[in-house]
C-alpha atoms as a PDB file:
ATOM      1  CA  UNK A   1      -0.002  -0.116  -0.042  1.00  0.00           C
ATOM      2  CA  UNK A   2       3.018   2.061   0.820  1.00  0.00           C
ATOM      3  CA  UNK A   3       4.941   3.807  -1.732  1.00  0.00           C
ATOM      4  CA  UNK A   4       8.696   4.562  -0.864  1.00  0.00           C
ATOM      5  CA  UNK A   5      11.431   5.626  -3.184  1.00  0.00           C
ATOM      6  CA  UNK A   6      14.965   6.216  -2.267  1.00  0.00           C
ATOM      7  CA  UNK A   7      17.236   8.465  -2.853  1.00  0.00           C
ATOM      8  CA  UNK A   8      14.950  11.306  -4.238  1.00  0.00           C
ATOM      9  CA  UNK A   9      13.431  13.508  -2.910  1.00  0.00           C
ATOM     10  CA  UNK A  10       9.789  15.443  -4.312  1.00  0.00           C
ATOM     11  CA  UNK A  11       9.723  19.060  -4.638  1.00  0.00           C
ATOM     12  CA  UNK A  12       6.165  19.066  -4.377  1.00  0.00           C
ATOM     13  CA  UNK A  13       5.223  21.141  -1.073  1.00  0.00           C
ATOM     14  CA  UNK A  14       3.391  19.096   1.507  1.00  0.00           C
ATOM     15  CA  UNK A  15       0.100  19.621   2.280  1.00  0.00           C
ATOM     16  CA  UNK A  16       0.175  20.755   6.106  1.00  0.00           C
ATOM     17  CA  UNK A  17      -1.836  18.887   8.998  1.00  0.00           C
ATOM     18  CA  UNK A  18      -3.415  21.846  11.003  1.00  0.00           C
ATOM     19  CA  UNK A  19      -5.562  21.860  14.407  1.00  0.00           C
ATOM     20  CA  UNK A  20      -7.940  23.926  15.381  1.00  0.00           C
ATOM     21  CA  UNK A  21     -10.263  25.025  18.288  1.00  0.00           C
ATOM     22  CA  UNK A  22     -14.161  24.586  17.160  1.00  0.00           C
ATOM     23  CA  UNK A  23     -16.113  27.151  18.582  1.00  0.00           C
ATOM     24  CA  UNK A  24     -19.879  27.319  18.537  1.00  0.00           C
ATOM     25  CA  UNK A  25     -19.736  31.326  18.658  1.00  0.00           C
ATOM     26  CA  UNK A  26     -19.161  33.204  15.843  1.00  0.00           C
ATOM     27  CA  UNK A  27     -14.950  33.845  15.463  1.00  0.00           C
ATOM     28  CA  UNK A  28     -14.283  37.478  13.708  1.00  0.00           C
ATOM     29  CA  UNK A  29     -12.368  37.127  10.804  1.00  0.00           C
ATOM     30  CA  UNK A  30     -13.162  33.013  11.084  1.00  0.00           C
ATOM     31  CA  UNK A  31     -15.073  30.592   9.018  1.00  0.00           C
ATOM     32  CA  UNK A  32     -17.794  27.951   9.883  1.00  0.00           C
ATOM     33  CA  UNK A  33     -17.273  24.478   9.287  1.00  0.00           C
ATOM     34  CA  UNK A  34     -20.270  22.807   7.948  1.00  0.00           C
ATOM     35  CA  UNK A  35     -19.194  19.623   5.658  1.00  0.00           C
ATOM     36  CA  UNK A  36     -21.263  16.466   4.722  1.00  0.00           C
ATOM     37  CA  UNK A  37     -18.718  14.694   7.134  1.00  0.00           C
ATOM     38  CA  UNK A  38     -19.060  17.611  10.052  1.00  0.00           C
ATOM     39  CA  UNK A  39     -22.555  18.879   9.479  1.00  0.00           C
ATOM     40  CA  UNK A  40     -22.508  22.216  11.215  1.00  0.00           C
ATOM     41  CA  UNK A  41     -19.205  21.747  13.170  1.00  0.00           C
ATOM     42  CA  UNK A  42     -19.183  25.174  14.460  1.00  0.00           C
ATOM     43  CA  UNK A  43     -16.377  28.195  13.730  1.00  0.00           C
ATOM     44  CA  UNK A  44     -12.923  28.238  13.435  1.00  0.00           C
ATOM     45  CA  UNK A  45     -10.189  30.911  13.702  1.00  0.00           C
ATOM     46  CA  UNK A  46      -8.441  31.920  10.152  1.00  0.00           C
ATOM     47  CA  UNK A  47      -4.919  30.994  11.726  1.00  0.00           C
ATOM     48  CA  UNK A  48      -4.470  27.325  13.030  1.00  0.00           C
ATOM     49  CA  UNK A  49      -3.749  26.659  16.779  1.00  0.00           C
ATOM     50  CA  UNK A  50      -1.383  24.423  15.742  1.00  0.00           C
ATOM     51  CA  UNK A  51       0.441  23.485  12.283  1.00  0.00           C
ATOM     52  CA  UNK A  52       2.345  20.506  11.789  1.00  0.00           C
ATOM     53  CA  UNK A  53       4.742  19.846   8.694  1.00  0.00           C
ATOM     54  CA  UNK A  54       6.604  16.960   9.458  1.00  0.00           C
ATOM     55  CA  UNK A  55       5.517  13.465  10.717  1.00  0.00           C
ATOM     56  CA  UNK A  56       7.542  10.755  12.216  1.00  0.00           C
ATOM     57  CA  UNK A  57       4.995   7.977  10.704  1.00  0.00           C
ATOM     58  CA  UNK A  58       2.006   7.243   8.486  1.00  0.00           C
ATOM     59  CA  UNK A  59       0.821   3.618   8.309  1.00  0.00           C
ATOM     60  CA  UNK A  60      -2.252   1.787   7.881  1.00  0.00           C
ATOM     61  CA  UNK A  61      -3.939   0.397  10.871  1.00  0.00           C
ATOM     62  CA  UNK A  62      -7.161  -1.365  12.023  1.00  0.00           C
ATOM     63  CA  UNK A  63      -9.703   1.218  13.204  1.00  0.00           C
ATOM     64  CA  UNK A  64     -10.345   1.225  17.294  1.00  0.00           C
ATOM     65  CA  UNK A  65     -14.027   0.851  18.424  1.00  0.00           C
ATOM     66  CA  UNK A  66     -15.455   3.693  20.702  1.00  0.00           C
ATOM     67  CA  UNK A  67     -16.499   3.891  24.536  1.00  0.00           C
ATOM     68  CA  UNK A  68     -19.623   4.712  25.149  1.00  0.00           C
ATOM     69  CA  UNK A  69     -21.142   4.576  28.520  1.00  0.00           C
ATOM     70  CA  UNK A  70     -18.528   2.301  29.606  1.00  0.00           C
ATOM     71  CA  UNK A  71     -19.053  -0.239  26.998  1.00  0.00           C
ATOM     72  CA  UNK A  72     -16.830  -0.558  23.871  1.00  0.00           C
ATOM     73  CA  UNK A  73     -18.342  -0.304  20.602  1.00  0.00           C
ATOM     74  CA  UNK A  74     -16.738  -1.915  17.338  1.00  0.00           C
ATOM     75  CA  UNK A  75     -16.282   0.447  14.469  1.00  0.00           C
ATOM     76  CA  UNK A  76     -19.012  -0.177  11.802  1.00  0.00           C
ATOM     77  CA  UNK A  77     -17.086  -2.838   9.060  1.00  0.00           C
ATOM     78  CA  UNK A  78     -15.865  -1.308   6.277  1.00  0.00           C
ATOM     79  CA  UNK A  79     -14.195   1.350   7.765  1.00  0.00           C
ATOM     80  CA  UNK A  80     -10.291   1.852   7.165  1.00  0.00           C
ATOM     81  CA  UNK A  81      -8.008   3.964   9.810  1.00  0.00           C
ATOM     82  CA  UNK A  82      -4.371   5.463   9.431  1.00  0.00           C
ATOM     83  CA  UNK A  83      -1.979   5.587  12.218  1.00  0.00           C
ATOM     84  CA  UNK A  84      -0.423   9.039  12.002  1.00  0.00           C
ATOM     85  CA  UNK A  85       2.981   9.259  14.830  1.00  0.00           C
ATOM     86  CA  UNK A  86       4.165  12.830  15.990  1.00  0.00           C
ATOM     87  CA  UNK A  87       7.694  14.022  16.294  1.00  0.00           C
ATOM     88  CA  UNK A  88       7.966  14.004  20.070  1.00  0.00           C
ATOM     89  CA  UNK A  89       8.014  18.339  19.859  1.00  0.00           C
ATOM     90  CA  UNK A  90       5.027  18.105  18.054  1.00  0.00           C
ATOM     91  CA  UNK A  91       3.727  15.771  20.169  1.00  0.00           C
ATOM     92  CA  UNK A  92       4.356  18.139  22.911  1.00  0.00           C
ATOM     93  CA  UNK A  93       2.495  21.121  21.499  1.00  0.00           C
ATOM     94  CA  UNK A  94      -0.347  18.895  20.992  1.00  0.00           C
ATOM     95  CA  UNK A  95      -0.917  18.177  24.369  1.00  0.00           C
ATOM     96  CA  UNK A  96      -0.090  21.448  25.320  1.00  0.00           C
ATOM     97  CA  UNK A  97      -2.882  22.928  23.131  1.00  0.00           C
ATOM     98  CA  UNK A  98      -4.934  19.926  23.951  1.00  0.00           C
ATOM     99  CA  UNK A  99      -4.778  20.928  27.823  1.00  0.00           C
ATOM    100  CA  UNK A 100      -6.272  24.424  26.916  1.00  0.00           C
ATOM    101  CA  UNK A 101      -9.352  22.865  25.230  1.00  0.00           C
ATOM    102  CA  UNK A 102     -10.995  20.228  27.644  1.00  0.00           C
ATOM    103  CA  UNK A 103     -14.375  19.876  26.482  1.00  0.00           C
ATOM    104  CA  UNK A 104     -13.876  21.683  23.347  1.00  0.00           C
ATOM    105  CA  UNK A 105     -13.957  19.902  19.832  1.00  0.00           C
ATOM    106  CA  UNK A 106     -10.225  20.043  18.190  1.00  0.00           C
ATOM    107  CA  UNK A 107     -10.956  19.965  14.363  1.00  0.00           C
ATOM    108  CA  UNK A 108      -7.944  18.385  12.629  1.00  0.00           C
ATOM    109  CA  UNK A 109      -7.853  19.227   8.793  1.00  0.00           C
ATOM    110  CA  UNK A 110      -5.227  18.460   6.040  1.00  0.00           C
ATOM    111  CA  UNK A 111      -4.634  21.379   3.549  1.00  0.00           C
ATOM    112  CA  UNK A 112      -8.891  22.601   3.374  1.00  0.00           C
ATOM    113  CA  UNK A 113     -10.007  18.782   4.329  1.00  0.00           C
ATOM    114  CA  UNK A 114     -11.729  18.114   7.763  1.00  0.00           C
ATOM    115  CA  UNK A 115     -10.255  14.704   8.932  1.00  0.00           C
ATOM    116  CA  UNK A 116     -11.238  14.348  12.252  1.00  0.00           C
ATOM    117  CA  UNK A 117     -12.969  16.669  15.149  1.00  0.00           C
ATOM    118  CA  UNK A 118     -13.241  14.832  18.318  1.00  0.00           C
ATOM    119  CA  UNK A 119     -14.400  16.319  22.175  1.00  0.00           C
ATOM    120  CA  UNK A 120     -11.631  16.376  23.900  1.00  0.00           C
ATOM    121  CA  UNK A 121     -11.835  15.030  27.529  1.00  0.00           C
ATOM    122  CA  UNK A 122      -8.317  14.669  28.909  1.00  0.00           C
ATOM    123  CA  UNK A 123      -5.043  16.078  27.481  1.00  0.00           C
ATOM    124  CA  UNK A 124      -3.156  14.529  24.864  1.00  0.00           C
ATOM    125  CA  UNK A 125      -0.088  12.393  26.156  1.00  0.00           C
ATOM    126  CA  UNK A 126       1.141  10.410  22.825  1.00  0.00           C
ATOM    127  CA  UNK A 127       2.659  10.704  19.829  1.00  0.00           C
ATOM    128  CA  UNK A 128       0.251   8.268  17.882  1.00  0.00           C
ATOM    129  CA  UNK A 129      -3.150   9.022  16.528  1.00  0.00           C
ATOM    130  CA  UNK A 130      -5.810   6.944  15.122  1.00  0.00           C
ATOM    131  CA  UNK A 131      -7.477   8.370  11.898  1.00  0.00           C
ATOM    132  CA  UNK A 132     -10.742   6.354  11.130  1.00  0.00           C
ATOM    133  CA  UNK A 133     -11.556   6.981   7.218  1.00  0.00           C
ATOM    134  CA  UNK A 134     -15.377   5.929   5.935  1.00  0.00           C
ATOM    135  CA  UNK A 135     -13.151   3.851   2.942  1.00  0.00           C
ATOM    136  CA  UNK A 136     -10.090   2.008   1.988  1.00  0.00           C
ATOM    137  CA  UNK A 137      -9.801   5.009  -0.764  1.00  0.00           C
ATOM    138  CA  UNK A 138     -10.193   7.743   1.162  1.00  0.00           C
ATOM    139  CA  UNK A 139      -7.577   5.928   3.481  1.00  0.00           C
ATOM    140  CA  UNK A 140      -5.515   5.523   0.808  1.00  0.00           C
ATOM    141  CA  UNK A 141      -5.735   9.087  -0.482  1.00  0.00           C
ATOM    142  CA  UNK A 142      -5.429  10.545   3.108  1.00  0.00           C
ATOM    143  CA  UNK A 143      -2.163   7.955   3.717  1.00  0.00           C
ATOM    144  CA  UNK A 144      -0.543   9.427  -0.028  1.00  0.00           C
ATOM    145  CA  UNK A 145      -0.757  13.240   1.285  1.00  0.00           C
ATOM    146  CA  UNK A 146       0.392  12.015   4.687  1.00  0.00           C
ATOM    147  CA  UNK A 147       3.437  10.581   3.836  1.00  0.00           C
ATOM    148  CA  UNK A 148       4.748  13.686   2.193  1.00  0.00           C
ATOM    149  CA  UNK A 149       4.992  15.032   5.949  1.00  0.00           C
ATOM    150  CA  UNK A 150       6.857  12.307   6.965  1.00  0.00           C
ATOM    151  CA  UNK A 151      10.964  13.221   6.555  1.00  0.00           C
END
């Protein structure tokens, strides 16, 4: 699934991974996120709270279920997932950001494409994120873009 080219680097600019705090209130100069995947999500500022331009790794993985009311609920069939490994310094920045936004949604975007917007329940203290994708094709497309950030 992954293609690795040895000995050469692309001059194609990489699309950054950006994180935005989502607000229910209108933000001056901001914009409203309302897509099929994220209907009426909320407002984000024009400038992201965190921009990541380099990743440690990106790899296909199994989607993880979620915990609802203390019970594990499996991921629906047909969904795929990507593991995203942050560099230690970016993981620390994400941890600091998550501490400021507990109780709010944190939108992760790849360029202009919203990827996920979980509600932050606790400080994120990991270098690894799991991104669930609705289809294998979507996962492959996002993986291809994210691999440009792995150096």
